[in-house]
Amino acid sequence: IEQAVNEQLEAEVLTRSSHSSKTSYAVSADLSEMELKKILIEKIEGNKSIQRSDAQRNLYKALVEAYESDKIILDSYGENVTLKRRRDDDADKDEETSAGADRGTKRRREGKEP
């Protein structure tokens, strides 16, 4: 299953990279967790691996439920979730920058004092 998923992801990355000027890393970073779940579901259904054991069938059902939940959340809140995530990311970047600036100032002060 893992090999099949990796092959599918590679094909997806190649397809996306051929349609844009992004690097393959940037394209693979663009694949959301939801897209990855969908690809995995399609591969599992394609190679009939859910018919092999109860454990695999249960994992498949859990994956489908997680995908459906994500889809419902995205349909319900879509843009709000995306916007909030971007704001949180921006806030994290601002905090890291200010912390670095404070540390540099402290070092300069310590260096001047005997």
PDB file of N, CA and C in Angstrom:
ATOM      1  N   ILE A   1       0.837  -1.188   0.000  1.00  0.00           N
ATOM      2  CA  ILE A   1       0.000   0.000   0.000  1.00  0.00           C
ATOM      3  C   ILE A   1       0.881   1.250   0.000  1.00  0.00           C
ATOM      4  N   GLU A   2       1.896   1.247   0.880  1.00  0.00           N
ATOM      5  CA  GLU A   2       2.769   2.415   0.990  1.00  0.00           C
ATOM      6  C   GLU A   2       3.447   2.731  -0.338  1.00  0.00           C
ATOM      7  N   GLN A   3       3.919   1.691  -1.016  1.00  0.00           N
ATOM      8  CA  GLN A   3       4.585   1.899  -2.300  1.00  0.00           C
ATOM      9  C   GLN A   3       3.603   2.474  -3.324  1.00  0.00           C
ATOM     10  N   ALA A   4       2.396   1.962  -3.334  1.00  0.00           N
ATOM     11  CA  ALA A   4       1.388   2.454  -4.277  1.00  0.00           C
ATOM     12  C   ALA A   4       1.052   3.918  -4.000  1.00  0.00           C
ATOM     13  N   VAL A   5       0.938   4.271  -2.724  1.00  0.00           N
ATOM     14  CA  VAL A   5       0.645   5.653  -2.357  1.00  0.00           C
ATOM     15  C   VAL A   5       1.800   6.562  -2.778  1.00  0.00           C
ATOM     16  N   ASN A   6       3.028   6.118  -2.523  1.00  0.00           N
ATOM     17  CA  ASN A   6       4.191   6.917  -2.925  1.00  0.00           C
ATOM     18  C   ASN A   6       4.225   7.130  -4.433  1.00  0.00           C
ATOM     19  N   GLU A   7       3.916   6.084  -5.190  1.00  0.00           N
ATOM     20  CA  GLU A   7       3.888   6.209  -6.647  1.00  0.00           C
ATOM     21  C   GLU A   7       2.814   7.210  -7.083  1.00  0.00           C
ATOM     22  N   GLN A   8       1.647   7.141  -6.440  1.00  0.00           N
ATOM     23  CA  GLN A   8       0.565   8.068  -6.773  1.00  0.00           C
ATOM     24  C   GLN A   8       0.956   9.499  -6.434  1.00  0.00           C
ATOM     25  N   LEU A   9       1.596   9.694  -5.279  1.00  0.00           N
ATOM     26  CA  LEU A   9       2.029  11.031  -4.893  1.00  0.00           C
ATOM     27  C   LEU A   9       3.066  11.575  -5.865  1.00  0.00           C
ATOM     28  N   GLU A  10       3.998  10.726  -6.268  1.00  0.00           N
ATOM     29  CA  GLU A  10       5.006  11.154  -7.236  1.00  0.00           C
ATOM     30  C   GLU A  10       4.343  11.570  -8.545  1.00  0.00           C
ATOM     31  N   ALA A  11       3.356  10.793  -8.981  1.00  0.00           N
ATOM     32  CA  ALA A  11       2.643  11.129 -10.214  1.00  0.00           C
ATOM     33  C   ALA A  11       1.908  12.458 -10.058  1.00  0.00           C
ATOM     34  N   GLU A  12       1.294  12.668  -8.907  1.00  0.00           N
ATOM     35  CA  GLU A  12       0.574  13.918  -8.640  1.00  0.00           C
ATOM     36  C   GLU A  12       1.537  15.100  -8.632  1.00  0.00           C
ATOM     37  N   VAL A  13       2.673  14.934  -7.999  1.00  0.00           N
ATOM     38  CA  VAL A  13       3.670  16.004  -7.948  1.00  0.00           C
ATOM     39  C   VAL A  13       4.171  16.322  -9.347  1.00  0.00           C
ATOM     40  N   LEU A  14       4.457  15.288 -10.132  1.00  0.00           N
ATOM     41  CA  LEU A  14       4.927  15.515 -11.496  1.00  0.00           C
ATOM     42  C   LEU A  14       3.873  16.217 -12.340  1.00  0.00           C
ATOM     43  N   THR A  15       2.625  15.814 -12.174  1.00  0.00           N
ATOM     44  CA  THR A  15       1.539  16.440 -12.926  1.00  0.00           C
ATOM     45  C   THR A  15       1.427  17.915 -12.572  1.00  0.00           C
ATOM     46  N   ARG A  16       1.436  18.210 -11.303  1.00  0.00           N
ATOM     47  CA  ARG A  16       1.307  19.602 -10.870  1.00  0.00           C
ATOM     48  C   ARG A  16       2.532  20.416 -11.265  1.00  0.00           C
ATOM     49  N   SER A  17       3.707  19.835 -11.160  1.00  0.00           N
ATOM     50  CA  SER A  17       4.908  20.604 -11.478  1.00  0.00           C
ATOM     51  C   SER A  17       5.019  20.864 -12.973  1.00  0.00           C
ATOM     52  N   SER A  18       4.458  19.987 -13.792  1.00  0.00           N
ATOM     53  CA  SER A  18       4.510  20.215 -15.233  1.00  0.00           C
ATOM     54  C   SER A  18       3.561  21.333 -15.660  1.00  0.00           C
ATOM     55  N   HIS A  19       2.574  21.638 -14.817  1.00  0.00           N
ATOM     56  CA  HIS A  19       1.618  22.689 -15.143  1.00  0.00           C
ATOM     57  C   HIS A  19       1.982  24.036 -14.532  1.00  0.00           C
ATOM     58  N   SER A  20       3.063  24.093 -13.788  1.00  0.00           N
ATOM     59  CA  SER A  20       3.457  25.359 -13.177  1.00  0.00           C
ATOM     60  C   SER A  20       4.970  25.444 -13.105  1.00  0.00           C
ATOM     61  N   SER A  21       5.453  26.607 -12.731  1.00  0.00           N
ATOM     62  CA  SER A  21       6.895  26.797 -12.659  1.00  0.00           C
ATOM     63  C   SER A  21       7.435  26.529 -11.262  1.00  0.00           C
ATOM     64  N   LYS A  22       6.621  26.003 -10.359  1.00  0.00           N
ATOM     65  CA  LYS A  22       7.062  25.721  -9.000  1.00  0.00           C
ATOM     66  C   LYS A  22       8.028  24.542  -8.983  1.00  0.00           C
ATOM     67  N   THR A  23       8.847  24.490  -7.946  1.00  0.00           N
ATOM     68  CA  THR A  23       9.721  23.335  -7.771  1.00  0.00           C
ATOM     69  C   THR A  23       8.881  22.170  -7.271  1.00  0.00           C
ATOM     70  N   SER A  24       9.403  20.964  -7.384  1.00  0.00           N
ATOM     71  CA  SER A  24       8.641  19.796  -6.937  1.00  0.00           C
ATOM     72  C   SER A  24       8.397  19.849  -5.434  1.00  0.00           C
ATOM     73  N   TYR A  25       9.330  20.446  -4.673  1.00  0.00           N
ATOM     74  CA  TYR A  25       9.120  20.572  -3.229  1.00  0.00           C
ATOM     75  C   TYR A  25       7.921  21.465  -2.946  1.00  0.00           C
ATOM     76  N   ALA A  26       7.836  22.581  -3.634  1.00  0.00           N
ATOM     77  CA  ALA A  26       6.721  23.502  -3.421  1.00  0.00           C
ATOM     78  C   ALA A  26       5.400  22.851  -3.803  1.00  0.00           C
ATOM     79  N   VAL A  27       5.412  22.073  -4.865  1.00  0.00           N
ATOM     80  CA  VAL A  27       4.191  21.396  -5.299  1.00  0.00           C
ATOM     81  C   VAL A  27       3.769  20.365  -4.264  1.00  0.00           C
ATOM     82  N   SER A  28       4.717  19.566  -3.771  1.00  0.00           N
ATOM     83  CA  SER A  28       4.361  18.553  -2.781  1.00  0.00           C
ATOM     84  C   SER A  28       3.919  19.198  -1.479  1.00  0.00           C
ATOM     85  N   ALA A  29       4.459  20.361  -1.146  1.00  0.00           N
ATOM     86  CA  ALA A  29       4.035  21.067   0.058  1.00  0.00           C
ATOM     87  C   ALA A  29       2.612  21.584  -0.093  1.00  0.00           C
ATOM     88  N   ASP A  30       2.182  21.821  -1.340  1.00  0.00           N
ATOM     89  CA  ASP A  30       0.830  22.301  -1.589  1.00  0.00           C
ATOM     90  C   ASP A  30      -0.226  21.211  -1.410  1.00  0.00           C
ATOM     91  N   LEU A  31       0.172  19.955  -1.455  1.00  0.00           N
ATOM     92  CA  LEU A  31      -0.792  18.876  -1.276  1.00  0.00           C
ATOM     93  C   LEU A  31      -1.287  18.906   0.166  1.00  0.00           C
ATOM     94  N   SER A  32      -2.547  19.136   0.342  1.00  0.00           N
ATOM     95  CA  SER A  32      -3.093  19.208   1.686  1.00  0.00           C
ATOM     96  C   SER A  32      -3.292  17.807   2.245  1.00  0.00           C
ATOM     97  N   GLU A  33      -3.472  17.763   3.539  1.00  0.00           N
ATOM     98  CA  GLU A  33      -3.729  16.488   4.201  1.00  0.00           C
ATOM     99  C   GLU A  33      -4.986  15.842   3.624  1.00  0.00           C
ATOM    100  N   MET A  34      -5.970  16.662   3.293  1.00  0.00           N
ATOM    101  CA  MET A  34      -7.215  16.142   2.738  1.00  0.00           C
ATOM    102  C   MET A  34      -6.984  15.506   1.368  1.00  0.00           C
ATOM    103  N   GLU A  35      -6.173  16.146   0.543  1.00  0.00           N
ATOM    104  CA  GLU A  35      -5.856  15.575  -0.767  1.00  0.00           C
ATOM    105  C   GLU A  35      -5.103  14.259  -0.617  1.00  0.00           C
ATOM    106  N   LEU A  36      -4.202  14.208   0.353  1.00  0.00           N
ATOM    107  CA  LEU A  36      -3.449  12.976   0.586  1.00  0.00           C
ATOM    108  C   LEU A  36      -4.374  11.845   1.035  1.00  0.00           C
ATOM    109  N   LYS A  37      -5.344  12.171   1.891  1.00  0.00           N
ATOM    110  CA  LYS A  37      -6.311  11.161   2.318  1.00  0.00           C
ATOM    111  C   LYS A  37      -7.098  10.641   1.124  1.00  0.00           C
ATOM    112  N   LYS A  38      -7.512  11.559   0.253  1.00  0.00           N
ATOM    113  CA  LYS A  38      -8.294  11.151  -0.922  1.00  0.00           C
ATOM    114  C   LYS A  38      -7.474  10.239  -1.826  1.00  0.00           C
ATOM    115  N   ILE A  39      -6.212  10.575  -2.050  1.00  0.00           N
ATOM    116  CA  ILE A  39      -5.340   9.739  -2.883  1.00  0.00           C
ATOM    117  C   ILE A  39      -5.199   8.354  -2.265  1.00  0.00           C
ATOM    118  N   LEU A  40      -4.999   8.305  -0.947  1.00  0.00           N
ATOM    119  CA  LEU A  40      -4.853   7.015  -0.269  1.00  0.00           C
ATOM    120  C   LEU A  40      -6.128   6.183  -0.387  1.00  0.00           C
ATOM    121  N   ILE A  41      -7.278   6.803  -0.208  1.00  0.00           N
ATOM    122  CA  ILE A  41      -8.559   6.090  -0.339  1.00  0.00           C
ATOM    123  C   ILE A  41      -8.697   5.508  -1.740  1.00  0.00           C
ATOM    124  N   GLU A  42      -8.374   6.306  -2.754  1.00  0.00           N
ATOM    125  CA  GLU A  42      -8.473   5.827  -4.135  1.00  0.00           C
ATOM    126  C   GLU A  42      -7.541   4.641  -4.385  1.00  0.00           C
ATOM    127  N   LYS A  43      -6.333   4.703  -3.845  1.00  0.00           N
ATOM    128  CA  LYS A  43      -5.384   3.601  -4.043  1.00  0.00           C
ATOM    129  C   LYS A  43      -5.851   2.336  -3.324  1.00  0.00           C
ATOM    130  N   ILE A  44      -6.370   2.488  -2.119  1.00  0.00           N
ATOM    131  CA  ILE A  44      -6.854   1.324  -1.374  1.00  0.00           C
ATOM    132  C   ILE A  44      -8.013   0.677  -2.120  1.00  0.00           C
ATOM    133  N   GLU A  45      -8.929   1.493  -2.613  1.00  0.00           N
ATOM    134  CA  GLU A  45     -10.066   0.956  -3.359  1.00  0.00           C
ATOM    135  C   GLU A  45      -9.608   0.316  -4.661  1.00  0.00           C
ATOM    136  N   GLY A  46      -8.610   0.897  -5.287  1.00  0.00           N
ATOM    137  CA  GLY A  46      -8.116   0.395  -6.569  1.00  0.00           C
ATOM    138  C   GLY A  46      -7.452  -0.963  -6.474  1.00  0.00           C
ATOM    139  N   ASN A  47      -6.677  -1.190  -5.411  1.00  0.00           N
ATOM    140  CA  ASN A  47      -5.985  -2.481  -5.318  1.00  0.00           C
ATOM    141  C   ASN A  47      -6.689  -3.465  -4.389  1.00  0.00           C
ATOM    142  N   LYS A  48      -7.888  -3.118  -3.958  1.00  0.00           N
ATOM    143  CA  LYS A  48      -8.742  -4.015  -3.161  1.00  0.00           C
ATOM    144  C   LYS A  48      -8.068  -4.503  -1.882  1.00  0.00           C
ATOM    145  N   SER A  49      -7.189  -3.704  -1.312  1.00  0.00           N
ATOM    146  CA  SER A  49      -6.473  -4.140  -0.117  1.00  0.00           C
ATOM    147  C   SER A  49      -7.369  -4.215   1.111  1.00  0.00           C
ATOM    148  N   ILE A  50      -8.550  -3.596   1.073  1.00  0.00           N
ATOM    149  CA  ILE A  50      -9.438  -3.660   2.236  1.00  0.00           C
ATOM    150  C   ILE A  50     -10.075  -5.034   2.389  1.00  0.00           C
ATOM    151  N   GLN A  51      -9.968  -5.870   1.375  1.00  0.00           N
ATOM    152  CA  GLN A  51     -10.557  -7.202   1.446  1.00  0.00           C
ATOM    153  C   GLN A  51      -9.624  -8.218   2.094  1.00  0.00           C
ATOM    154  N   ARG A  52      -8.413  -7.815   2.445  1.00  0.00           N
ATOM    155  CA  ARG A  52      -7.426  -8.767   2.963  1.00  0.00           C
ATOM    156  C   ARG A  52      -7.618  -9.104   4.429  1.00  0.00           C
ATOM    157  N   SER A  53      -7.940  -8.120   5.255  1.00  0.00           N
ATOM    158  CA  SER A  53      -8.093  -8.416   6.681  1.00  0.00           C
ATOM    159  C   SER A  53      -9.045  -7.419   7.334  1.00  0.00           C
ATOM    160  N   ASP A  54      -9.526  -7.812   8.522  1.00  0.00           N
ATOM    161  CA  ASP A  54     -10.421  -6.931   9.269  1.00  0.00           C
ATOM    162  C   ASP A  54      -9.702  -5.664   9.712  1.00  0.00           C
ATOM    163  N   ALA A  55      -8.437  -5.797  10.080  1.00  0.00           N
ATOM    164  CA  ALA A  55      -7.669  -4.632  10.536  1.00  0.00           C
ATOM    165  C   ALA A  55      -7.560  -3.597   9.420  1.00  0.00           C
ATOM    166  N   GLN A  56      -7.262  -4.048   8.212  1.00  0.00           N
ATOM    167  CA  GLN A  56      -7.158  -3.121   7.085  1.00  0.00           C
ATOM    168  C   GLN A  56      -8.513  -2.498   6.763  1.00  0.00           C
ATOM    169  N   ARG A  57      -9.566  -3.279   6.873  1.00  0.00           N
ATOM    170  CA  ARG A  57     -10.908  -2.767   6.620  1.00  0.00           C
ATOM    171  C   ARG A  57     -11.265  -1.688   7.648  1.00  0.00           C
ATOM    172  N   ASN A  58     -10.912  -1.924   8.913  1.00  0.00           N
ATOM    173  CA  ASN A  58     -11.191  -0.942   9.958  1.00  0.00           C
ATOM    174  C   ASN A  58     -10.387   0.342   9.753  1.00  0.00           C
ATOM    175  N   LEU A  59      -9.131   0.201   9.354  1.00  0.00           N
ATOM    176  CA  LEU A  59      -8.309   1.377   9.071  1.00  0.00           C
ATOM    177  C   LEU A  59      -8.876   2.166   7.895  1.00  0.00           C
ATOM    178  N   TYR A  60      -9.331   1.446   6.884  1.00  0.00           N
ATOM    179  CA  TYR A  60      -9.934   2.093   5.713  1.00  0.00           C
ATOM    180  C   TYR A  60     -11.180   2.874   6.126  1.00  0.00           C
ATOM    181  N   LYS A  61     -12.034   2.250   6.948  1.00  0.00           N
ATOM    182  CA  LYS A  61     -13.253   2.923   7.401  1.00  0.00           C
ATOM    183  C   LYS A  61     -12.913   4.183   8.194  1.00  0.00           C
ATOM    184  N   ALA A  62     -11.906   4.100   9.058  1.00  0.00           N
ATOM    185  CA  ALA A  62     -11.491   5.265   9.848  1.00  0.00           C
ATOM    186  C   ALA A  62     -10.959   6.375   8.944  1.00  0.00           C
ATOM    187  N   LEU A  63     -10.205   5.995   7.920  1.00  0.00           N
ATOM    188  CA  LEU A  63      -9.673   6.972   6.970  1.00  0.00           C
ATOM    189  C   LEU A  63     -10.803   7.669   6.221  1.00  0.00           C
ATOM    190  N   VAL A  64     -11.783   6.896   5.772  1.00  0.00           N
ATOM    191  CA  VAL A  64     -12.927   7.469   5.053  1.00  0.00           C
ATOM    192  C   VAL A  64     -13.710   8.407   5.970  1.00  0.00           C
ATOM    193  N   GLU A  65     -13.915   8.003   7.226  1.00  0.00           N
ATOM    194  CA  GLU A  65     -14.633   8.858   8.174  1.00  0.00           C
ATOM    195  C   GLU A  65     -13.875  10.164   8.413  1.00  0.00           C
ATOM    196  N   ALA A  66     -12.556  10.082   8.556  1.00  0.00           N
ATOM    197  CA  ALA A  66     -11.741  11.284   8.759  1.00  0.00           C
ATOM    198  C   ALA A  66     -11.826  12.199   7.544  1.00  0.00           C
ATOM    199  N   TYR A  67     -11.768  11.609   6.366  1.00  0.00           N
ATOM    200  CA  TYR A  67     -11.866  12.393   5.128  1.00  0.00           C
ATOM    201  C   TYR A  67     -13.223  13.086   5.041  1.00  0.00           C
ATOM    202  N   GLU A  68     -14.288  12.345   5.328  1.00  0.00           N
ATOM    203  CA  GLU A  68     -15.635  12.918   5.266  1.00  0.00           C
ATOM    204  C   GLU A  68     -15.799  14.039   6.295  1.00  0.00           C
ATOM    205  N   SER A  69     -15.244  13.857   7.496  1.00  0.00           N
ATOM    206  CA  SER A  69     -15.311  14.905   8.522  1.00  0.00           C
ATOM    207  C   SER A  69     -14.586  16.161   8.060  1.00  0.00           C
ATOM    208  N   ASP A  70     -13.391  15.979   7.506  1.00  0.00           N
ATOM    209  CA  ASP A  70     -12.631  17.121   6.985  1.00  0.00           C
ATOM    210  C   ASP A  70     -13.413  17.839   5.897  1.00  0.00           C
ATOM    211  N   LYS A  71     -14.060  17.054   5.044  1.00  0.00           N
ATOM    212  CA  LYS A  71     -14.823  17.622   3.933  1.00  0.00           C
ATOM    213  C   LYS A  71     -15.997  18.445   4.458  1.00  0.00           C
ATOM    214  N   ILE A  72     -16.690  17.936   5.466  1.00  0.00           N
ATOM    215  CA  ILE A  72     -17.818  18.655   6.065  1.00  0.00           C
ATOM    216  C   ILE A  72     -17.338  19.953   6.704  1.00  0.00           C
ATOM    217  N   ILE A  73     -16.233  19.882   7.444  1.00  0.00           N
ATOM    218  CA  ILE A  73     -15.686  21.081   8.085  1.00  0.00           C
ATOM    219  C   ILE A  73     -15.292  22.106   7.037  1.00  0.00           C
ATOM    220  N   LEU A  74     -14.628  21.655   5.998  1.00  0.00           N
ATOM    221  CA  LEU A  74     -14.197  22.569   4.945  1.00  0.00           C
ATOM    222  C   LEU A  74     -15.393  23.188   4.232  1.00  0.00           C
ATOM    223  N   ASP A  75     -16.426  22.373   3.974  1.00  0.00           N
ATOM    224  CA  ASP A  75     -17.626  22.901   3.324  1.00  0.00           C
ATOM    225  C   ASP A  75     -18.345  23.907   4.224  1.00  0.00           C
ATOM    226  N   SER A  76     -18.350  23.641   5.541  1.00  0.00           N
ATOM    227  CA  SER A  76     -19.060  24.508   6.476  1.00  0.00           C
ATOM    228  C   SER A  76     -18.316  25.797   6.771  1.00  0.00           C
ATOM    229  N   TYR A  77     -17.014  25.670   7.006  1.00  0.00           N
ATOM    230  CA  TYR A  77     -16.255  26.820   7.477  1.00  0.00           C
ATOM    231  C   TYR A  77     -15.199  27.297   6.495  1.00  0.00           C
ATOM    232  N   GLY A  78     -14.923  26.498   5.489  1.00  0.00           N
ATOM    233  CA  GLY A  78     -13.943  26.726   4.449  1.00  0.00           C
ATOM    234  C   GLY A  78     -13.036  27.912   4.558  1.00  0.00           C
ATOM    235  N   GLU A  79     -13.505  29.053   4.096  1.00  0.00           N
ATOM    236  CA  GLU A  79     -12.653  30.230   4.014  1.00  0.00           C
ATOM    237  C   GLU A  79     -12.246  30.730   5.392  1.00  0.00           C
ATOM    238  N   ASN A  80     -13.131  30.620   6.382  1.00  0.00           N
ATOM    239  CA  ASN A  80     -12.791  31.076   7.730  1.00  0.00           C
ATOM    240  C   ASN A  80     -11.626  30.288   8.302  1.00  0.00           C
ATOM    241  N   VAL A  81     -11.625  28.976   8.114  1.00  0.00           N
ATOM    242  CA  VAL A  81     -10.543  28.133   8.614  1.00  0.00           C
ATOM    243  C   VAL A  81      -9.243  28.504   7.927  1.00  0.00           C
ATOM    244  N   THR A  82      -9.284  28.697   6.617  1.00  0.00           N
ATOM    245  CA  THR A  82      -8.087  29.053   5.861  1.00  0.00           C
ATOM    246  C   THR A  82      -7.555  30.404   6.308  1.00  0.00           C
ATOM    247  N   LEU A  83      -8.438  31.382   6.468  1.00  0.00           N
ATOM    248  CA  LEU A  83      -8.002  32.713   6.887  1.00  0.00           C
ATOM    249  C   LEU A  83      -7.419  32.689   8.290  1.00  0.00           C
ATOM    250  N   LYS A  84      -8.050  31.966   9.215  1.00  0.00           N
ATOM    251  CA  LYS A  84      -7.538  31.897  10.576  1.00  0.00           C
ATOM    252  C   LYS A  84      -6.168  31.242  10.589  1.00  0.00           C
ATOM    253  N   ARG A  85      -5.995  30.177   9.841  1.00  0.00           N
ATOM    254  CA  ARG A  85      -4.719  29.484   9.790  1.00  0.00           C
ATOM    255  C   ARG A  85      -3.630  30.434   9.284  1.00  0.00           C
ATOM    256  N   ARG A  86      -3.943  31.230   8.278  1.00  0.00           N
ATOM    257  CA  ARG A  86      -2.958  32.186   7.754  1.00  0.00           C
ATOM    258  C   ARG A  86      -2.613  33.231   8.798  1.00  0.00           C
ATOM    259  N   ARG A  87      -3.610  33.726   9.534  1.00  0.00           N
ATOM    260  CA  ARG A  87      -3.344  34.726  10.568  1.00  0.00           C
ATOM    261  C   ARG A  87      -2.478  34.136  11.667  1.00  0.00           C
ATOM    262  N   ASP A  88      -2.754  32.893  12.065  1.00  0.00           N
ATOM    263  CA  ASP A  88      -1.944  32.235  13.084  1.00  0.00           C
ATOM    264  C   ASP A  88      -0.511  32.082  12.614  1.00  0.00           C
ATOM    265  N   ASP A  89      -0.316  31.699  11.366  1.00  0.00           N
ATOM    266  CA  ASP A  89       1.026  31.561  10.813  1.00  0.00           C
ATOM    267  C   ASP A  89       1.746  32.900  10.812  1.00  0.00           C
ATOM    268  N   ASP A  90       1.048  33.970  10.438  1.00  0.00           N
ATOM    269  CA  ASP A  90       1.657  35.300  10.433  1.00  0.00           C
ATOM    270  C   ASP A  90       2.037  35.726  11.844  1.00  0.00           C
ATOM    271  N   ALA A  91       1.193  35.425  12.827  1.00  0.00           N
ATOM    272  CA  ALA A  91       1.487  35.782  14.215  1.00  0.00           C
ATOM    273  C   ALA A  91       2.722  35.041  14.708  1.00  0.00           C
ATOM    274  N   ASP A  92       2.853  33.768  14.340  1.00  0.00           N
ATOM    275  CA  ASP A  92       4.032  32.993  14.726  1.00  0.00           C
ATOM    276  C   ASP A  92       5.296  33.612  14.151  1.00  0.00           C
ATOM    277  N   LYS A  93       5.252  34.049  12.912  1.00  0.00           N
ATOM    278  CA  LYS A  93       6.422  34.670  12.283  1.00  0.00           C
ATOM    279  C   LYS A  93       6.784  35.963  12.996  1.00  0.00           C
ATOM    280  N   ASP A  94       5.774  36.757  13.382  1.00  0.00           N
ATOM    281  CA  ASP A  94       6.026  38.012  14.080  1.00  0.00           C
ATOM    282  C   ASP A  94       6.676  37.760  15.435  1.00  0.00           C
ATOM    283  N   GLU A  95       6.210  36.748  16.169  1.00  0.00           N
ATOM    284  CA  GLU A  95       6.779  36.436  17.474  1.00  0.00           C
ATOM    285  C   GLU A  95       8.234  36.026  17.360  1.00  0.00           C
ATOM    286  N   GLU A  96       8.555  35.208  16.381  1.00  0.00           N
ATOM    287  CA  GLU A  96       9.932  34.763  16.203  1.00  0.00           C
ATOM    288  C   GLU A  96      10.838  35.937  15.881  1.00  0.00           C
ATOM    289  N   THR A  97      10.394  36.863  15.080  1.00  0.00           N
ATOM    290  CA  THR A  97      11.192  38.020  14.696  1.00  0.00           C
ATOM    291  C   THR A  97      11.461  38.905  15.903  1.00  0.00           C
ATOM    292  N   SER A  98      10.438  39.185  16.701  1.00  0.00           N
ATOM    293  CA  SER A  98      10.631  40.071  17.840  1.00  0.00           C
ATOM    294  C   SER A  98      11.525  39.426  18.888  1.00  0.00           C
ATOM    295  N   ALA A  99      11.415  38.127  19.096  1.00  0.00           N
ATOM    296  CA  ALA A  99      12.263  37.444  20.069  1.00  0.00           C
ATOM    297  C   ALA A  99      13.716  37.519  19.633  1.00  0.00           C
ATOM    298  N   GLY A 100      13.973  37.364  18.376  1.00  0.00           N
ATOM    299  CA  GLY A 100      15.342  37.444  17.864  1.00  0.00           C
ATOM    300  C   GLY A 100      15.908  38.835  18.028  1.00  0.00           C
ATOM    301  N   ALA A 101      15.099  39.860  17.813  1.00  0.00           N
ATOM    302  CA  ALA A 101      15.559  41.239  17.950  1.00  0.00           C
ATOM    303  C   ALA A 101      15.901  41.547  19.402  1.00  0.00           C
ATOM    304  N   ASP A 102      15.103  41.052  20.347  1.00  0.00           N
ATOM    305  CA  ASP A 102      15.380  41.289  21.764  1.00  0.00           C
ATOM    306  C   ASP A 102      16.699  40.654  22.174  1.00  0.00           C
ATOM    307  N   ARG A 103      16.928  39.445  21.736  1.00  0.00           N
ATOM    308  CA  ARG A 103      18.161  38.752  22.106  1.00  0.00           C
ATOM    309  C   ARG A 103      19.381  39.493  21.585  1.00  0.00           C
ATOM    310  N   GLY A 104      19.304  39.993  20.386  1.00  0.00           N
ATOM    311  CA  GLY A 104      20.434  40.721  19.813  1.00  0.00           C
ATOM    312  C   GLY A 104      20.731  41.987  20.598  1.00  0.00           C
ATOM    313  N   THR A 105      19.705  42.691  21.038  1.00  0.00           N
ATOM    314  CA  THR A 105      19.876  43.915  21.809  1.00  0.00           C
ATOM    315  C   THR A 105      20.523  43.607  23.147  1.00  0.00           C
ATOM    316  N   LYS A 106      20.095  42.541  23.788  1.00  0.00           N
ATOM    317  CA  LYS A 106      20.650  42.164  25.080  1.00  0.00           C
ATOM    318  C   LYS A 106      22.133  41.839  24.945  1.00  0.00           C
ATOM    319  N   ARG A 107      22.510  41.147  23.920  1.00  0.00           N
ATOM    320  CA  ARG A 107      23.918  40.809  23.708  1.00  0.00           C
ATOM    321  C   ARG A 107      24.750  42.069  23.522  1.00  0.00           C
ATOM    322  N   ARG A 108      24.210  43.013  22.770  1.00  0.00           N
ATOM    323  CA  ARG A 108      24.958  44.255  22.557  1.00  0.00           C
ATOM    324  C   ARG A 108      25.144  44.991  23.872  1.00  0.00           C
ATOM    325  N   ARG A 109      24.102  45.016  24.696  1.00  0.00           N
ATOM    326  CA  ARG A 109      24.205  45.688  25.994  1.00  0.00           C
ATOM    327  C   ARG A 109      25.241  45.006  26.875  1.00  0.00           C
ATOM    328  N   GLU A 110      25.209  43.667  26.909  1.00  0.00           N
ATOM    329  CA  GLU A 110      26.157  42.926  27.739  1.00  0.00           C
ATOM    330  C   GLU A 110      27.586  43.145  27.268  1.00  0.00           C
ATOM    331  N   GLY A 111      27.775  43.278  25.976  1.00  0.00           N
ATOM    332  CA  GLY A 111      29.106  43.488  25.424  1.00  0.00           C
ATOM    333  C   GLY A 111      29.676  44.843  25.803  1.00  0.00           C
ATOM    334  N   LYS A 112      28.836  45.862  25.971  1.00  0.00           N
ATOM    335  CA  LYS A 112      29.303  47.209  26.299  1.00  0.00           C
ATOM    336  C   LYS A 112      29.640  47.344  27.773  1.00  0.00           C
ATOM    337  N   GLU A 113      28.970  46.594  28.617  1.00  0.00           N
ATOM    338  CA  GLU A 113      29.220  46.713  30.058  1.00  0.00           C
ATOM    339  C   GLU A 113      30.482  45.956  30.441  1.00  0.00           C
ATOM    340  N   PRO A 114      31.307  46.509  31.325  1.00  0.00           N
ATOM    341  CA  PRO A 114      32.539  45.822  31.744  1.00  0.00           C
ATOM    342  C   PRO A 114      32.284  44.679  32.688  1.00  0.00           C
TER     343      PRO A 114
END
